[in-house]
Amino acid sequence: MCLKEALEKIVNDRQNVLLKDSRREWEAAELLNNLSSGMLRQPVHMLSGVYIAALMESGMMGAVLYRLRAKS
């Protein structure tokens, strides 16, 4: 799965979550519209409701890109 697919899944499933990185919290649709195509193609692993993490070429999980939290 790439980051674009993970974000589209959040939007299409109407998941009521915000994605938090080191700078701020984002709506999934906002990230889809603002991230570069290269970033959106990045392979990721998503644990629904918890995080989206980068996947390394070896298939191992890398850094957590976004922590997911329920909107209040």
PDB file of N, CA and C in Angstrom:
ATOM      1  N   MET A   1       0.853  -1.162   0.000  1.00  0.00           N
ATOM      2  CA  MET A   1       0.000   0.000   0.000  1.00  0.00           C
ATOM      3  C   MET A   1       0.903   1.230   0.000  1.00  0.00           C
ATOM      4  N   CYS A   2       0.521   2.241  -0.778  1.00  0.00           N
ATOM      5  CA  CYS A   2       1.264   3.497  -0.770  1.00  0.00           C
ATOM      6  C   CYS A   2       0.507   4.517   0.083  1.00  0.00           C
ATOM      7  N   LEU A   3       1.166   5.617   0.393  1.00  0.00           N
ATOM      8  CA  LEU A   3       0.557   6.628   1.251  1.00  0.00           C
ATOM      9  C   LEU A   3      -0.730   7.160   0.641  1.00  0.00           C
ATOM     10  N   LYS A   4      -0.754   7.346  -0.674  1.00  0.00           N
ATOM     11  CA  LYS A   4      -1.969   7.837  -1.336  1.00  0.00           C
ATOM     12  C   LYS A   4      -3.141   6.890  -1.076  1.00  0.00           C
ATOM     13  N   GLU A   5      -2.919   5.593  -1.208  1.00  0.00           N
ATOM     14  CA  GLU A   5      -3.987   4.608  -0.978  1.00  0.00           C
ATOM     15  C   GLU A   5      -4.463   4.635   0.470  1.00  0.00           C
ATOM     16  N   ALA A   6      -3.536   4.771   1.401  1.00  0.00           N
ATOM     17  CA  ALA A   6      -3.906   4.815   2.817  1.00  0.00           C
ATOM     18  C   ALA A   6      -4.762   6.044   3.112  1.00  0.00           C
ATOM     19  N   LEU A   7      -4.358   7.193   2.579  1.00  0.00           N
ATOM     20  CA  LEU A   7      -5.123   8.422   2.799  1.00  0.00           C
ATOM     21  C   LEU A   7      -6.491   8.345   2.115  1.00  0.00           C
ATOM     22  N   GLU A   8      -6.528   7.791   0.912  1.00  0.00           N
ATOM     23  CA  GLU A   8      -7.810   7.633   0.216  1.00  0.00           C
ATOM     24  C   GLU A   8      -8.746   6.713   0.985  1.00  0.00           C
ATOM     25  N   LYS A   9      -8.209   5.678   1.602  1.00  0.00           N
ATOM     26  CA  LYS A   9      -9.029   4.770   2.401  1.00  0.00           C
ATOM     27  C   LYS A   9      -9.650   5.512   3.582  1.00  0.00           C
ATOM     28  N   ILE A  10      -8.865   6.352   4.237  1.00  0.00           N
ATOM     29  CA  ILE A  10      -9.392   7.130   5.362  1.00  0.00           C
ATOM     30  C   ILE A  10     -10.518   8.043   4.887  1.00  0.00           C
ATOM     31  N   VAL A  11     -10.303   8.720   3.752  1.00  0.00           N
ATOM     32  CA  VAL A  11     -11.314   9.634   3.214  1.00  0.00           C
ATOM     33  C   VAL A  11     -12.558   8.861   2.777  1.00  0.00           C
ATOM     34  N   ASN A  12     -12.361   7.798   2.002  1.00  0.00           N
ATOM     35  CA  ASN A  12     -13.499   7.042   1.451  1.00  0.00           C
ATOM     36  C   ASN A  12     -14.309   6.338   2.529  1.00  0.00           C
ATOM     37  N   ASP A  13     -13.637   5.879   3.586  1.00  0.00           N
ATOM     38  CA  ASP A  13     -14.343   5.213   4.691  1.00  0.00           C
ATOM     39  C   ASP A  13     -14.913   6.221   5.685  1.00  0.00           C
ATOM     40  N   ARG A  14     -14.690   7.503   5.406  1.00  0.00           N
ATOM     41  CA  ARG A  14     -15.165   8.595   6.271  1.00  0.00           C
ATOM     42  C   ARG A  14     -14.741   8.398   7.726  1.00  0.00           C
ATOM     43  N   GLN A  15     -13.493   7.962   7.879  1.00  0.00           N
ATOM     44  CA  GLN A  15     -12.957   7.771   9.227  1.00  0.00           C
ATOM     45  C   GLN A  15     -12.807   9.140   9.894  1.00  0.00           C
ATOM     46  N   ASN A  16     -13.273   9.251  11.090  1.00  0.00           N
ATOM     47  CA  ASN A  16     -13.287  10.512  11.829  1.00  0.00           C
ATOM     48  C   ASN A  16     -11.977  10.672  12.609  1.00  0.00           C
ATOM     49  N   VAL A  17     -10.862  10.820  11.851  1.00  0.00           N
ATOM     50  CA  VAL A  17      -9.542  10.903  12.479  1.00  0.00           C
ATOM     51  C   VAL A  17      -8.755  12.088  11.951  1.00  0.00           C
ATOM     52  N   LEU A  18      -7.797  12.522  12.754  1.00  0.00           N
ATOM     53  CA  LEU A  18      -6.791  13.488  12.349  1.00  0.00           C
ATOM     54  C   LEU A  18      -5.458  12.759  12.313  1.00  0.00           C
ATOM     55  N   LEU A  19      -4.565  13.192  11.428  1.00  0.00           N
ATOM     56  CA  LEU A  19      -3.244  12.591  11.297  1.00  0.00           C
ATOM     57  C   LEU A  19      -2.224  13.583  11.829  1.00  0.00           C
ATOM     58  N   LYS A  20      -1.449  13.166  12.815  1.00  0.00           N
ATOM     59  CA  LYS A  20      -0.498  14.065  13.480  1.00  0.00           C
ATOM     60  C   LYS A  20       0.930  13.693  13.091  1.00  0.00           C
ATOM     61  N   ASP A  21       1.657  14.690  12.593  1.00  0.00           N
ATOM     62  CA  ASP A  21       3.087  14.500  12.365  1.00  0.00           C
ATOM     63  C   ASP A  21       3.843  15.341  13.387  1.00  0.00           C
ATOM     64  N   SER A  22       5.110  15.594  13.162  1.00  0.00           N
ATOM     65  CA  SER A  22       5.908  16.324  14.149  1.00  0.00           C
ATOM     66  C   SER A  22       5.558  17.811  14.211  1.00  0.00           C
ATOM     67  N   ARG A  23       4.822  18.306  13.215  1.00  0.00           N
ATOM     68  CA  ARG A  23       4.514  19.736  13.160  1.00  0.00           C
ATOM     69  C   ARG A  23       3.088  20.083  13.555  1.00  0.00           C
ATOM     70  N   ARG A  24       2.112  19.293  13.100  1.00  0.00           N
ATOM     71  CA  ARG A  24       0.713  19.644  13.335  1.00  0.00           C
ATOM     72  C   ARG A  24      -0.210  18.480  13.025  1.00  0.00           C
ATOM     73  N   GLU A  25      -1.505  18.722  13.142  1.00  0.00           N
ATOM     74  CA  GLU A  25      -2.509  17.717  12.796  1.00  0.00           C
ATOM     75  C   GLU A  25      -3.118  18.068  11.449  1.00  0.00           C
ATOM     76  N   TRP A  26      -3.425  17.016  10.683  1.00  0.00           N
ATOM     77  CA  TRP A  26      -3.923  17.174   9.324  1.00  0.00           C
ATOM     78  C   TRP A  26      -5.191  16.369   9.119  1.00  0.00           C
ATOM     79  N   GLU A  27      -6.026  16.814   8.205  1.00  0.00           N
ATOM     80  CA  GLU A  27      -7.119  16.016   7.656  1.00  0.00           C
ATOM     81  C   GLU A  27      -6.502  15.176   6.534  1.00  0.00           C
ATOM     82  N   ALA A  28      -7.001  13.967   6.319  1.00  0.00           N
ATOM     83  CA  ALA A  28      -6.459  13.111   5.263  1.00  0.00           C
ATOM     84  C   ALA A  28      -6.606  13.770   3.889  1.00  0.00           C
ATOM     85  N   ALA A  29      -7.745  14.385   3.627  1.00  0.00           N
ATOM     86  CA  ALA A  29      -7.975  15.037   2.331  1.00  0.00           C
ATOM     87  C   ALA A  29      -6.990  16.184   2.105  1.00  0.00           C
ATOM     88  N   GLU A  30      -6.653  16.886   3.168  1.00  0.00           N
ATOM     89  CA  GLU A  30      -5.690  17.983   3.083  1.00  0.00           C
ATOM     90  C   GLU A  30      -4.316  17.458   2.660  1.00  0.00           C
ATOM     91  N   LEU A  31      -3.910  16.330   3.235  1.00  0.00           N
ATOM     92  CA  LEU A  31      -2.624  15.725   2.847  1.00  0.00           C
ATOM     93  C   LEU A  31      -2.653  15.259   1.394  1.00  0.00           C
ATOM     94  N   LEU A  32      -3.758  14.661   0.973  1.00  0.00           N
ATOM     95  CA  LEU A  32      -3.876  14.211  -0.422  1.00  0.00           C
ATOM     96  C   LEU A  32      -3.688  15.377  -1.387  1.00  0.00           C
ATOM     97  N   ASN A  33      -4.190  16.529  -1.025  1.00  0.00           N
ATOM     98  CA  ASN A  33      -4.115  17.700  -1.904  1.00  0.00           C
ATOM     99  C   ASN A  33      -2.778  18.416  -1.844  1.00  0.00           C
ATOM    100  N   ASN A  34      -2.032  18.258  -0.756  1.00  0.00           N
ATOM    101  CA  ASN A  34      -0.831  19.070  -0.568  1.00  0.00           C
ATOM    102  C   ASN A  34       0.503  18.333  -0.659  1.00  0.00           C
ATOM    103  N   LEU A  35       0.507  17.027  -0.486  1.00  0.00           N
ATOM    104  CA  LEU A  35       1.780  16.290  -0.542  1.00  0.00           C
ATOM    105  C   LEU A  35       2.235  16.103  -1.984  1.00  0.00           C
ATOM    106  N   SER A  36       3.535  16.008  -2.172  1.00  0.00           N
ATOM    107  CA  SER A  36       4.092  15.781  -3.512  1.00  0.00           C
ATOM    108  C   SER A  36       3.739  14.375  -3.993  1.00  0.00           C
ATOM    109  N   SER A  37       3.767  14.198  -5.299  1.00  0.00           N
ATOM    110  CA  SER A  37       3.457  12.880  -5.864  1.00  0.00           C
ATOM    111  C   SER A  37       4.467  11.841  -5.391  1.00  0.00           C
ATOM    112  N   GLY A  38       5.715  12.244  -5.207  1.00  0.00           N
ATOM    113  CA  GLY A  38       6.735  11.324  -4.700  1.00  0.00           C
ATOM    114  C   GLY A  38       6.417  10.838  -3.302  1.00  0.00           C
ATOM    115  N   MET A  39       6.004  11.749  -2.449  1.00  0.00           N
ATOM    116  CA  MET A  39       5.638  11.373  -1.072  1.00  0.00           C
ATOM    117  C   MET A  39       4.412  10.466  -1.080  1.00  0.00           C
ATOM    118  N   LEU A  40       3.429  10.764  -1.937  1.00  0.00           N
ATOM    119  CA  LEU A  40       2.212   9.955  -1.995  1.00  0.00           C
ATOM    120  C   LEU A  40       2.479   8.534  -2.501  1.00  0.00           C
ATOM    121  N   ARG A  41       3.557   8.344  -3.256  1.00  0.00           N
ATOM    122  CA  ARG A  41       3.910   7.002  -3.766  1.00  0.00           C
ATOM    123  C   ARG A  41       4.681   6.174  -2.746  1.00  0.00           C
ATOM    124  N   GLN A  42       5.072   6.762  -1.632  1.00  0.00           N
ATOM    125  CA  GLN A  42       5.875   6.064  -0.620  1.00  0.00           C
ATOM    126  C   GLN A  42       5.125   4.859  -0.070  1.00  0.00           C
ATOM    127  N   PRO A  43       5.773   3.680  -0.037  1.00  0.00           N
ATOM    128  CA  PRO A  43       5.139   2.498   0.558  1.00  0.00           C
ATOM    129  C   PRO A  43       4.959   2.692   2.062  1.00  0.00           C
ATOM    130  N   VAL A  44       3.781   2.302   2.557  1.00  0.00           N
ATOM    131  CA  VAL A  44       3.487   2.464   3.977  1.00  0.00           C
ATOM    132  C   VAL A  44       2.741   1.251   4.514  1.00  0.00           C
ATOM    133  N   HIS A  45       2.725   1.185   5.829  1.00  0.00           N
ATOM    134  CA  HIS A  45       1.882   0.226   6.549  1.00  0.00           C
ATOM    135  C   HIS A  45       0.946   1.059   7.412  1.00  0.00           C
ATOM    136  N   MET A  46      -0.365   0.772   7.343  1.00  0.00           N
ATOM    137  CA  MET A  46      -1.321   1.502   8.163  1.00  0.00           C
ATOM    138  C   MET A  46      -1.991   0.543   9.134  1.00  0.00           C
ATOM    139  N   LEU A  47      -1.936   0.893  10.396  1.00  0.00           N
ATOM    140  CA  LEU A  47      -2.686   0.194  11.427  1.00  0.00           C
ATOM    141  C   LEU A  47      -3.847   1.121  11.750  1.00  0.00           C
ATOM    142  N   SER A  48      -5.033   0.779  11.237  1.00  0.00           N
ATOM    143  CA  SER A  48      -6.192   1.661  11.322  1.00  0.00           C
ATOM    144  C   SER A  48      -6.421   2.167  12.735  1.00  0.00           C
ATOM    145  N   GLY A  49      -6.606   3.474  12.819  1.00  0.00           N
ATOM    146  CA  GLY A  49      -6.869   4.105  14.101  1.00  0.00           C
ATOM    147  C   GLY A  49      -5.652   4.342  14.953  1.00  0.00           C
ATOM    148  N   VAL A  50      -4.458   3.906  14.483  1.00  0.00           N
ATOM    149  CA  VAL A  50      -3.256   4.033  15.315  1.00  0.00           C
ATOM    150  C   VAL A  50      -2.161   4.837  14.612  1.00  0.00           C
ATOM    151  N   TYR A  51      -1.681   4.379  13.447  1.00  0.00           N
ATOM    152  CA  TYR A  51      -0.579   5.070  12.780  1.00  0.00           C
ATOM    153  C   TYR A  51      -0.495   4.700  11.310  1.00  0.00           C
ATOM    154  N   ILE A  52       0.304   5.502  10.588  1.00  0.00           N
ATOM    155  CA  ILE A  52       0.768   5.180   9.238  1.00  0.00           C
ATOM    156  C   ILE A  52       2.285   5.264   9.311  1.00  0.00           C
ATOM    157  N   ALA A  53       2.957   4.172   8.973  1.00  0.00           N
ATOM    158  CA  ALA A  53       4.421   4.123   9.045  1.00  0.00           C
ATOM    159  C   ALA A  53       5.003   3.823   7.669  1.00  0.00           C
ATOM    160  N   ALA A  54       6.174   4.373   7.420  1.00  0.00           N
ATOM    161  CA  ALA A  54       6.898   4.104   6.172  1.00  0.00           C
ATOM    162  C   ALA A  54       7.373   2.653   6.168  1.00  0.00           C
ATOM    163  N   LEU A  55       7.455   2.082   4.976  1.00  0.00           N
ATOM    164  CA  LEU A  55       8.051   0.760   4.806  1.00  0.00           C
ATOM    165  C   LEU A  55       9.376   0.925   4.084  1.00  0.00           C
ATOM    166  N   MET A  56      10.409   0.277   4.589  1.00  0.00           N
ATOM    167  CA  MET A  56      11.722   0.319   3.952  1.00  0.00           C
ATOM    168  C   MET A  56      11.734  -0.669   2.785  1.00  0.00           C
ATOM    169  N   GLU A  57      12.715  -0.534   1.911  1.00  0.00           N
ATOM    170  CA  GLU A  57      12.828  -1.428   0.761  1.00  0.00           C
ATOM    171  C   GLU A  57      12.899  -2.889   1.172  1.00  0.00           C
ATOM    172  N   SER A  58      13.454  -3.159   2.351  1.00  0.00           N
ATOM    173  CA  SER A  58      13.583  -4.534   2.836  1.00  0.00           C
ATOM    174  C   SER A  58      12.246  -5.105   3.306  1.00  0.00           C
ATOM    175  N   GLY A  59      11.214  -4.234   3.386  1.00  0.00           N
ATOM    176  CA  GLY A  59       9.920  -4.679   3.873  1.00  0.00           C
ATOM    177  C   GLY A  59       9.724  -4.443   5.362  1.00  0.00           C
ATOM    178  N   MET A  60      10.784  -3.998   6.024  1.00  0.00           N
ATOM    179  CA  MET A  60      10.703  -3.695   7.453  1.00  0.00           C
ATOM    180  C   MET A  60      10.013  -2.353   7.643  1.00  0.00           C
ATOM    181  N   MET A  61       9.333  -2.212   8.778  1.00  0.00           N
ATOM    182  CA  MET A  61       8.672  -0.963   9.069  1.00  0.00           C
ATOM    183  C   MET A  61       9.701   0.095   9.441  1.00  0.00           C
ATOM    184  N   GLY A  62       9.516   1.288   8.890  1.00  0.00           N
ATOM    185  CA  GLY A  62      10.402   2.408   9.188  1.00  0.00           C
ATOM    186  C   GLY A  62       9.743   3.358  10.174  1.00  0.00           C
ATOM    187  N   ALA A  63      10.016   4.619   9.985  1.00  0.00           N
ATOM    188  CA  ALA A  63       9.514   5.655  10.887  1.00  0.00           C
ATOM    189  C   ALA A  63       8.002   5.812  10.782  1.00  0.00           C
ATOM    190  N   VAL A  64       7.383   6.151  11.893  1.00  0.00           N
ATOM    191  CA  VAL A  64       5.959   6.473  11.890  1.00  0.00           C
ATOM    192  C   VAL A  64       5.821   7.861  11.275  1.00  0.00           C
ATOM    193  N   LEU A  65       5.035   7.947  10.198  1.00  0.00           N
ATOM    194  CA  LEU A  65       4.831   9.217   9.513  1.00  0.00           C
ATOM    195  C   LEU A  65       3.716  10.024  10.165  1.00  0.00           C
ATOM    196  N   TYR A  66       2.624   9.338  10.507  1.00  0.00           N
ATOM    197  CA  TYR A  66       1.463  10.000  11.098  1.00  0.00           C
ATOM    198  C   TYR A  66       0.870   9.119  12.177  1.00  0.00           C
ATOM    199  N   ARG A  67       0.553   9.737  13.302  1.00  0.00           N
ATOM    200  CA  ARG A  67      -0.223   9.076  14.342  1.00  0.00           C
ATOM    201  C   ARG A  67      -1.667   9.485  14.128  1.00  0.00           C
ATOM    202  N   LEU A  68      -2.577   8.542  14.221  1.00  0.00           N
ATOM    203  CA  LEU A  68      -3.985   8.837  14.011  1.00  0.00           C
ATOM    204  C   LEU A  68      -4.672   9.010  15.362  1.00  0.00           C
ATOM    205  N   ARG A  69      -5.541   9.995  15.437  1.00  0.00           N
ATOM    206  CA  ARG A  69      -6.322  10.173  16.652  1.00  0.00           C
ATOM    207  C   ARG A  69      -7.728  10.578  16.263  1.00  0.00           C
ATOM    208  N   ALA A  70      -8.676  10.140  17.047  1.00  0.00           N
ATOM    209  CA  ALA A  70     -10.084  10.451  16.787  1.00  0.00           C
ATOM    210  C   ALA A  70     -10.314  11.943  16.959  1.00  0.00           C
ATOM    211  N   LYS A  71     -11.124  12.496  16.067  1.00  0.00           N
ATOM    212  CA  LYS A  71     -11.517  13.905  16.215  1.00  0.00           C
ATOM    213  C   LYS A  71     -12.430  14.019  17.426  1.00  0.00           C
ATOM    214  N   SER A  72     -12.309  15.155  18.116  1.00  0.00           N
ATOM    215  CA  SER A  72     -13.179  15.348  19.274  1.00  0.00           C
ATOM    216  C   SER A  72     -14.426  16.118  18.890  1.00  0.00           C
TER     217      SER A  72
END
